Amino acid sequence: MSAPTRIGITVNGEDHLLTEEMSVRELLEHLKLPDKGIAIAIGGGVFPRSRWDEPVQKGWELEILTAVQGG
């Protein structure tokens, strides 16, 4: 029996410890964040929506930005 997965990541400056493997899309759902009207950067680079089904990797620093209407 293997040890449970533990993946330490940072989202918008807040540390998180994931206990199961999940995709970026699943992470958004886990954190109760929308998957529309947002942009994701990992390590300072844009992470395109076409890659959101890839698994989250240990040590990632994610910034999740939401679109805001102004006037």
C-alpha atoms as a PDB file:
ATOM      1  CA  MET A   1       0.000   0.000   0.000  1.00  0.00           C
ATOM      2  CA  SER A   2       1.527   3.326  -1.037  1.00  0.00           C
ATOM      3  CA  ALA A   3       1.492   6.526   0.978  1.00  0.00           C
ATOM      4  CA  PRO A   4      -1.164   9.101   0.082  1.00  0.00           C
ATOM      5  CA  THR A   5      -0.199  11.732  -2.461  1.00  0.00           C
ATOM      6  CA  ARG A   6       0.827  15.057  -0.940  1.00  0.00           C
ATOM      7  CA  ILE A   7       1.308  17.925  -3.340  1.00  0.00           C
ATOM      8  CA  GLY A   8       2.278  21.314  -1.922  1.00  0.00           C
ATOM      9  CA  ILE A   9       1.278  24.260  -4.125  1.00  0.00           C
ATOM     10  CA  THR A  10       0.650  27.974  -3.735  1.00  0.00           C
ATOM     11  CA  VAL A  11      -2.484  29.649  -5.105  1.00  0.00           C
ATOM     12  CA  ASN A  12      -2.615  33.457  -5.066  1.00  0.00           C
ATOM     13  CA  GLY A  13       0.014  33.542  -2.310  1.00  0.00           C
ATOM     14  CA  GLU A  14      -1.752  30.971  -0.103  1.00  0.00           C
ATOM     15  CA  ASP A  15      -0.189  27.546   0.536  1.00  0.00           C
ATOM     16  CA  HIS A  16      -2.289  24.443  -0.123  1.00  0.00           C
ATOM     17  CA  LEU A  17      -1.554  20.758   0.453  1.00  0.00           C
ATOM     18  CA  LEU A  18      -3.422  18.516  -1.945  1.00  0.00           C
ATOM     19  CA  THR A  19      -3.937  14.944  -0.778  1.00  0.00           C
ATOM     20  CA  GLU A  20      -4.934  13.570  -4.167  1.00  0.00           C
ATOM     21  CA  GLU A  21      -3.826  14.078  -7.737  1.00  0.00           C
ATOM     22  CA  MET A  22      -6.057  16.494  -9.617  1.00  0.00           C
ATOM     23  CA  SER A  23      -6.047  18.493 -12.801  1.00  0.00           C
ATOM     24  CA  VAL A  24      -5.956  22.277 -12.888  1.00  0.00           C
ATOM     25  CA  ARG A  25      -9.664  22.217 -13.822  1.00  0.00           C
ATOM     26  CA  GLU A  26     -10.425  19.978 -10.812  1.00  0.00           C
ATOM     27  CA  LEU A  27      -8.350  22.286  -8.591  1.00  0.00           C
ATOM     28  CA  LEU A  28     -10.565  25.227  -9.586  1.00  0.00           C
ATOM     29  CA  GLU A  29     -13.635  23.202  -8.617  1.00  0.00           C
ATOM     30  CA  HIS A  30     -11.970  22.093  -5.355  1.00  0.00           C
ATOM     31  CA  LEU A  31     -11.232  25.737  -4.475  1.00  0.00           C
ATOM     32  CA  LYS A  32     -14.784  26.756  -5.510  1.00  0.00           C
ATOM     33  CA  LEU A  33     -13.448  29.072  -8.213  1.00  0.00           C
ATOM     34  CA  PRO A  34     -15.148  29.688 -11.560  1.00  0.00           C
ATOM     35  CA  ASP A  35     -13.664  28.247 -14.729  1.00  0.00           C
ATOM     36  CA  LYS A  36     -14.900  31.114 -16.902  1.00  0.00           C
ATOM     37  CA  GLY A  37     -13.712  34.723 -16.918  1.00  0.00           C
ATOM     38  CA  ILE A  38     -10.354  33.841 -15.374  1.00  0.00           C
ATOM     39  CA  ALA A  39      -6.730  33.489 -16.429  1.00  0.00           C
ATOM     40  CA  ILE A  40      -4.141  31.274 -14.793  1.00  0.00           C
ATOM     41  CA  ALA A  41      -0.416  31.922 -14.543  1.00  0.00           C
ATOM     42  CA  ILE A  42       2.030  29.342 -13.246  1.00  0.00           C
ATOM     43  CA  GLY A  43       5.493  30.476 -12.272  1.00  0.00           C
ATOM     44  CA  GLY A  44       4.821  33.854 -13.895  1.00  0.00           C
ATOM     45  CA  GLY A  45       3.812  32.424 -17.296  1.00  0.00           C
ATOM     46  CA  VAL A  46       0.346  32.137 -18.785  1.00  0.00           C
ATOM     47  CA  PHE A  47      -1.117  28.638 -18.463  1.00  0.00           C
ATOM     48  CA  PRO A  48      -3.507  28.207 -21.414  1.00  0.00           C
ATOM     49  CA  ARG A  49      -6.973  26.746 -21.014  1.00  0.00           C
ATOM     50  CA  SER A  50      -5.973  23.968 -23.435  1.00  0.00           C
ATOM     51  CA  ARG A  51      -3.716  22.591 -20.652  1.00  0.00           C
ATOM     52  CA  TRP A  52      -6.206  22.745 -17.760  1.00  0.00           C
ATOM     53  CA  ASP A  53      -6.749  18.979 -17.857  1.00  0.00           C
ATOM     54  CA  GLU A  54      -3.081  18.370 -16.980  1.00  0.00           C
ATOM     55  CA  PRO A  55      -2.304  17.312 -13.404  1.00  0.00           C
ATOM     56  CA  VAL A  56      -1.182  19.899 -10.866  1.00  0.00           C
ATOM     57  CA  GLN A  57       2.528  19.489 -10.092  1.00  0.00           C
ATOM     58  CA  LYS A  58       4.231  19.730  -6.721  1.00  0.00           C
ATOM     59  CA  GLY A  59       5.654  23.179  -5.999  1.00  0.00           C
ATOM     60  CA  TRP A  60       3.578  25.071  -8.557  1.00  0.00           C
ATOM     61  CA  GLU A  61       2.883  28.717  -7.789  1.00  0.00           C
ATOM     62  CA  LEU A  62      -0.431  29.600  -9.388  1.00  0.00           C
ATOM     63  CA  GLU A  63      -1.945  33.028  -9.794  1.00  0.00           C
ATOM     64  CA  ILE A  64      -5.630  32.970 -10.671  1.00  0.00           C
ATOM     65  CA  LEU A  65      -6.826  36.260 -12.087  1.00  0.00           C
ATOM     66  CA  THR A  66     -10.459  37.211 -12.626  1.00  0.00           C
ATOM     67  CA  ALA A  67     -11.782  39.629 -15.202  1.00  0.00           C
ATOM     68  CA  VAL A  68     -13.283  42.724 -13.624  1.00  0.00           C
ATOM     69  CA  GLN A  69     -15.542  45.155 -15.432  1.00  0.00           C
ATOM     70  CA  GLY A  70     -14.850  48.776 -14.799  1.00  0.00           C
ATOM     71  CA  GLY A  71     -16.136  52.033 -16.005  1.00  0.00           C
END
